[in-house]
N, C-alpha and C. Protein backbone atom coordinates (compact mmCIF):
# COMPACT_ATOMS: atom_id res chain seq x y z
N UNK A 1 0.83 -1.31 -0.02
CA UNK A 1 0.07 0.09 -0.04
C UNK A 1 0.71 1.18 -0.02
N UNK A 2 0.42 2.38 -0.62
CA UNK A 2 1.17 3.45 -0.57
C UNK A 2 1.10 4.36 0.66
N UNK A 3 0.31 3.98 1.66
CA UNK A 3 0.45 4.38 2.93
C UNK A 3 1.33 3.93 3.97
N UNK A 4 2.10 2.96 3.53
CA UNK A 4 3.15 2.38 4.20
C UNK A 4 4.16 3.30 4.67
N UNK A 5 4.55 3.84 3.92
CA UNK A 5 5.86 5.08 4.39
C UNK A 5 5.08 5.98 5.55
N UNK A 6 4.02 6.44 5.33
CA UNK A 6 3.06 7.27 6.26
C UNK A 6 3.02 6.59 7.39
N UNK A 7 2.66 5.35 7.53
CA UNK A 7 2.37 4.60 8.82
C UNK A 7 3.65 4.41 9.56
N UNK A 8 4.66 4.25 8.66
CA UNK A 8 6.03 4.01 9.26
C UNK A 8 6.78 5.47 10.04
N UNK A 9 6.69 6.61 9.22
CA UNK A 9 6.99 7.83 9.76
C UNK A 9 6.00 8.10 11.07
N UNK A 10 4.75 7.70 11.04
CA UNK A 10 3.96 7.99 12.16
C UNK A 10 4.48 7.08 13.33
N UNK A 11 4.55 5.90 13.11
CA UNK A 11 5.09 5.05 14.07
C UNK A 11 6.47 5.58 14.91
N UNK A 12 7.33 5.97 14.17
CA UNK A 12 8.74 6.64 14.62
C UNK A 12 8.22 7.90 15.44
N UNK A 13 7.24 8.80 14.90
CA UNK A 13 6.91 9.88 15.93
C UNK A 13 6.26 9.50 16.86
N UNK A 14 5.42 8.41 17.11
CA UNK A 14 5.12 8.09 18.43
C UNK A 14 5.86 7.67 19.28
N UNK A 15 6.93 6.88 18.62
CA UNK A 15 8.19 6.45 19.35
C UNK A 15 8.90 7.68 20.14
N UNK A 16 9.15 8.61 19.39
CA UNK A 16 10.03 9.74 19.58
C UNK A 16 9.10 10.38 20.70
N UNK A 17 7.74 10.31 20.60
CA UNK A 17 7.08 11.16 21.75
C UNK A 17 7.15 10.19 22.98
N UNK A 18 6.90 9.05 22.74
CA UNK A 18 6.76 8.12 24.04
C UNK A 18 8.42 7.93 24.77
N UNK A 19 9.06 7.95 23.87
CA UNK A 19 10.53 7.55 24.33
C UNK A 19 11.54 8.64 23.75
N UNK A 20 11.52 9.91 24.25
CA UNK A 20 12.51 11.02 23.50
C UNK A 20 13.75 10.64 23.61
N UNK A 21 14.49 11.00 22.48
CA UNK A 21 15.89 11.03 22.40
C UNK A 21 16.32 12.28 21.90
N UNK A 22 17.78 12.18 21.77
CA UNK A 22 18.15 13.63 21.60
C UNK A 22 18.12 13.66 19.65
N UNK A 23 17.00 14.33 19.57
CA UNK A 23 16.68 14.33 17.97
C UNK A 23 15.72 15.44 17.76
N UNK A 24 15.72 15.89 16.57
CA UNK A 24 14.86 17.44 16.33
C UNK A 24 13.68 17.00 16.64
N UNK A 25 12.95 15.76 16.23
CA UNK A 25 11.59 15.50 16.40
C UNK A 25 11.22 15.59 17.84
N UNK A 26 11.98 14.66 18.81
CA UNK A 26 11.85 14.65 20.06
C UNK A 26 11.73 16.16 20.78
N UNK A 27 12.79 16.88 20.09
CA UNK A 27 12.77 18.33 20.81
C UNK A 27 11.64 19.23 20.50
N UNK A 28 11.12 19.00 19.25
CA UNK A 28 9.84 19.78 19.16
C UNK A 28 8.75 19.62 19.80
N UNK A 29 8.57 18.00 20.06
CA UNK A 29 7.40 17.43 21.04
C UNK A 29 7.51 18.05 22.42
N UNK A 30 8.78 18.18 22.72
CA UNK A 30 9.06 18.38 24.28
C UNK A 30 8.76 19.74 24.63
N UNK A 31 8.86 20.85 23.48
CA UNK A 31 8.70 22.21 23.82
C UNK A 31 7.25 22.49 24.05
N UNK A 32 6.63 22.20 23.14
CA UNK A 32 5.14 22.55 23.08
C UNK A 32 4.34 22.30 21.88
N UNK A 33 2.99 22.30 21.98
CA UNK A 33 2.44 22.03 20.60
C UNK A 33 2.41 23.45 19.80
N UNK A 34 2.80 24.58 20.39
CA UNK A 34 2.88 25.85 19.77
C UNK A 34 4.14 25.79 19.11
N UNK A 35 5.09 25.24 19.37
CA UNK A 35 6.49 24.83 18.40
C UNK A 35 6.09 24.29 17.05
N UNK A 36 5.27 23.29 17.37
CA UNK A 36 4.83 22.22 16.20
C UNK A 36 3.96 22.86 15.28
N UNK A 37 2.91 23.85 15.76
CA UNK A 37 2.16 24.66 15.03
C UNK A 37 2.94 25.83 14.25
N UNK A 38 4.09 26.20 14.76
CA UNK A 38 4.77 27.32 14.30
C UNK A 38 5.60 26.47 13.31
N UNK A 39 6.10 25.52 13.36
CA UNK A 39 6.74 24.90 12.12
C UNK A 39 5.74 24.57 11.03
N UNK A 40 4.47 24.11 11.19
CA UNK A 40 3.55 23.93 10.32
C UNK A 40 3.23 25.32 9.51
N UNK A 41 3.19 26.26 10.19
CA UNK A 41 3.06 27.62 9.77
C UNK A 41 4.08 27.84 8.73
N UNK A 42 5.32 27.97 8.96
CA UNK A 42 6.65 28.27 8.41
C UNK A 42 6.60 27.66 7.20
N UNK A 43 6.22 26.12 7.11
CA UNK A 43 6.42 25.19 6.11
C UNK A 43 5.25 25.58 5.06
N UNK A 44 4.10 25.99 5.50
CA UNK A 44 3.10 26.30 4.52
C UNK A 44 3.64 27.41 3.73
N UNK A 45 4.28 28.70 4.43
CA UNK A 45 4.76 29.75 3.76
C UNK A 45 5.82 29.41 2.57
N UNK A 46 6.92 28.34 3.23
CA UNK A 46 7.84 28.09 2.31
C UNK A 46 7.40 27.11 1.14
N UNK A 47 6.68 26.21 1.42
CA UNK A 47 5.98 25.50 0.42
C UNK A 47 5.20 26.31 -0.82
N UNK A 48 4.49 27.05 -0.30
CA UNK A 48 3.79 28.14 -1.11
C UNK A 48 4.51 28.94 -1.97
N UNK A 49 5.67 29.22 -1.76
CA UNK A 49 6.61 30.31 -2.40
C UNK A 49 7.69 29.42 -3.08
N UNK A 50 7.82 28.40 -3.35
CA UNK A 50 8.94 27.51 -3.73
C UNK A 50 8.50 26.58 -4.46
N UNK A 51 8.17 26.97 -5.82
CA UNK A 51 7.81 26.17 -6.76
C UNK A 51 8.85 25.10 -7.33
N UNK A 52 10.03 25.42 -7.19
CA UNK A 52 11.37 24.71 -7.45
C UNK A 52 11.27 23.39 -6.70
N UNK A 53 11.13 23.38 -5.42
CA UNK A 53 11.44 22.46 -4.30
C UNK A 53 9.99 22.14 -3.75
N UNK A 54 8.75 22.36 -4.55
CA UNK A 54 7.54 22.09 -3.94
C UNK A 54 7.18 20.78 -3.23
N UNK A 55 7.85 19.94 -3.97
CA UNK A 55 7.44 18.36 -3.28
C UNK A 55 8.12 18.08 -2.11
N UNK A 56 9.62 18.62 -2.29
CA UNK A 56 10.46 18.63 -0.83
C UNK A 56 9.56 19.38 0.19
N UNK A 57 9.36 20.53 0.05
CA UNK A 57 8.81 21.33 1.01
C UNK A 57 7.32 21.02 1.40
N UNK A 58 6.71 20.22 0.56
CA UNK A 58 5.26 19.82 0.83
C UNK A 58 5.49 18.30 1.67
N UNK A 59 6.69 17.65 1.35
CA UNK A 59 6.96 16.59 2.59
C UNK A 59 7.23 16.92 3.82
N UNK A 60 7.96 18.18 3.95
CA UNK A 60 8.13 18.68 5.24
C UNK A 60 6.82 19.19 6.01
N UNK A 61 6.06 19.71 5.18
CA UNK A 61 4.66 20.22 5.65
C UNK A 61 3.85 18.99 6.43
N UNK A 62 3.86 18.13 5.35
CA UNK A 62 3.18 17.12 5.90
C UNK A 62 3.68 16.16 6.94
N UNK A 63 4.96 16.05 7.01
CA UNK A 63 5.85 15.49 8.14
C UNK A 63 5.25 16.39 9.42
N UNK A 64 5.49 17.62 9.39
CA UNK A 64 5.18 18.61 10.75
C UNK A 64 3.84 18.44 11.07
N UNK A 65 2.81 18.33 10.25
CA UNK A 65 1.43 18.09 10.36
C UNK A 65 1.43 16.73 11.08
N UNK A 66 1.79 15.48 10.71
CA UNK A 66 1.89 14.37 11.37
C UNK A 66 2.64 14.46 12.55
N UNK A 67 3.56 15.20 12.89
CA UNK A 67 4.07 15.46 14.22
C UNK A 67 2.98 16.15 15.20
N UNK A 68 2.51 17.19 14.65
CA UNK A 68 1.23 17.71 15.50
C UNK A 68 0.31 16.63 16.04
N UNK A 69 -0.14 16.13 14.99
CA UNK A 69 -1.10 14.86 15.44
C UNK A 69 -0.61 13.94 16.24
N UNK A 70 0.43 13.60 16.19
CA UNK A 70 1.07 12.39 17.20
C UNK A 70 1.02 13.19 18.62
N UNK A 71 1.67 14.35 18.44
CA UNK A 71 1.78 15.27 19.84
C UNK A 71 0.37 15.24 20.24
N UNK A 72 -0.51 15.49 19.60
CA UNK A 72 -1.84 15.70 20.43
C UNK A 72 -2.69 14.33 20.57
N UNK A 73 -2.29 13.21 20.18
CA UNK A 73 -2.70 12.06 20.48
C UNK A 73 -3.62 11.55 19.61
N UNK A 74 -3.57 12.00 18.61
CA UNK A 74 -4.49 11.61 17.21
C UNK A 74 -4.01 10.37 16.65
N UNK A 75 -4.69 9.46 16.48
CA UNK A 75 -4.45 8.13 15.69
C UNK A 75 -4.44 8.35 14.26
N UNK A 76 -3.60 7.72 13.49
CA UNK A 76 -3.32 7.82 12.02
C UNK A 76 -4.63 7.49 11.40
N UNK A 77 -5.13 6.42 11.87
CA UNK A 77 -6.42 5.84 11.16
C UNK A 77 -7.57 6.89 11.06
N UNK A 78 -7.45 7.69 12.42
CA UNK A 78 -8.76 8.87 12.33
C UNK A 78 -8.43 9.88 11.28
N UNK A 79 -7.18 9.98 10.92
CA UNK A 79 -6.97 10.99 9.86
C UNK A 79 -7.51 10.45 8.52
N UNK A 80 -7.28 9.21 8.18
CA UNK A 80 -7.52 8.19 6.97
C UNK A 80 -9.06 8.04 6.95
N UNK A 81 -9.78 7.74 8.05
CA UNK A 81 -11.06 7.64 8.15
C UNK A 81 -11.76 9.07 7.74
N UNK A 82 -11.24 10.15 8.24
CA UNK A 82 -11.70 11.46 7.71
C UNK A 82 -11.77 11.65 6.30
N UNK A 83 -10.51 11.25 5.80
CA UNK A 83 -10.53 11.61 4.31
C UNK A 83 -11.48 10.47 3.48
N UNK A 84 -11.90 9.55 4.03
CA UNK A 84 -12.76 8.48 3.36
C UNK A 84 -14.06 9.01 3.76
N UNK A 85 -14.50 9.75 4.74
CA UNK A 85 -15.79 10.47 5.11
C UNK A 85 -16.17 11.47 3.89
N UNK A 86 -14.81 12.21 3.68
CA UNK A 86 -15.16 13.36 2.81
C UNK A 86 -15.23 12.98 1.33
N UNK A 87 -14.67 11.70 1.12
CA UNK A 87 -14.71 11.28 -0.35
C UNK A 87 -16.17 10.69 -0.76
N UNK A 88 -16.98 10.41 0.32
CA UNK A 88 -18.26 10.14 -0.08
C UNK A 88 -19.07 10.89 -0.47
């Protein structure tokens, strides 16, 4: 399935939340949800103004969005289910 990499990233983010290590991801989650939210806003601005690296910057935006969802305790399947509801 194409969602395999998203699930893998999500699992790593959950691991970093539950067992913090000296990493960028753990540090953002230890700081506050405000920092995660600020990173998302920053990534939106960068992605929207960067056609040359749009895919790269969009991956960063999605990563930081997943990070916020993990930080807030949202299950990945909840996100997929919301997409399915919107598709109907």
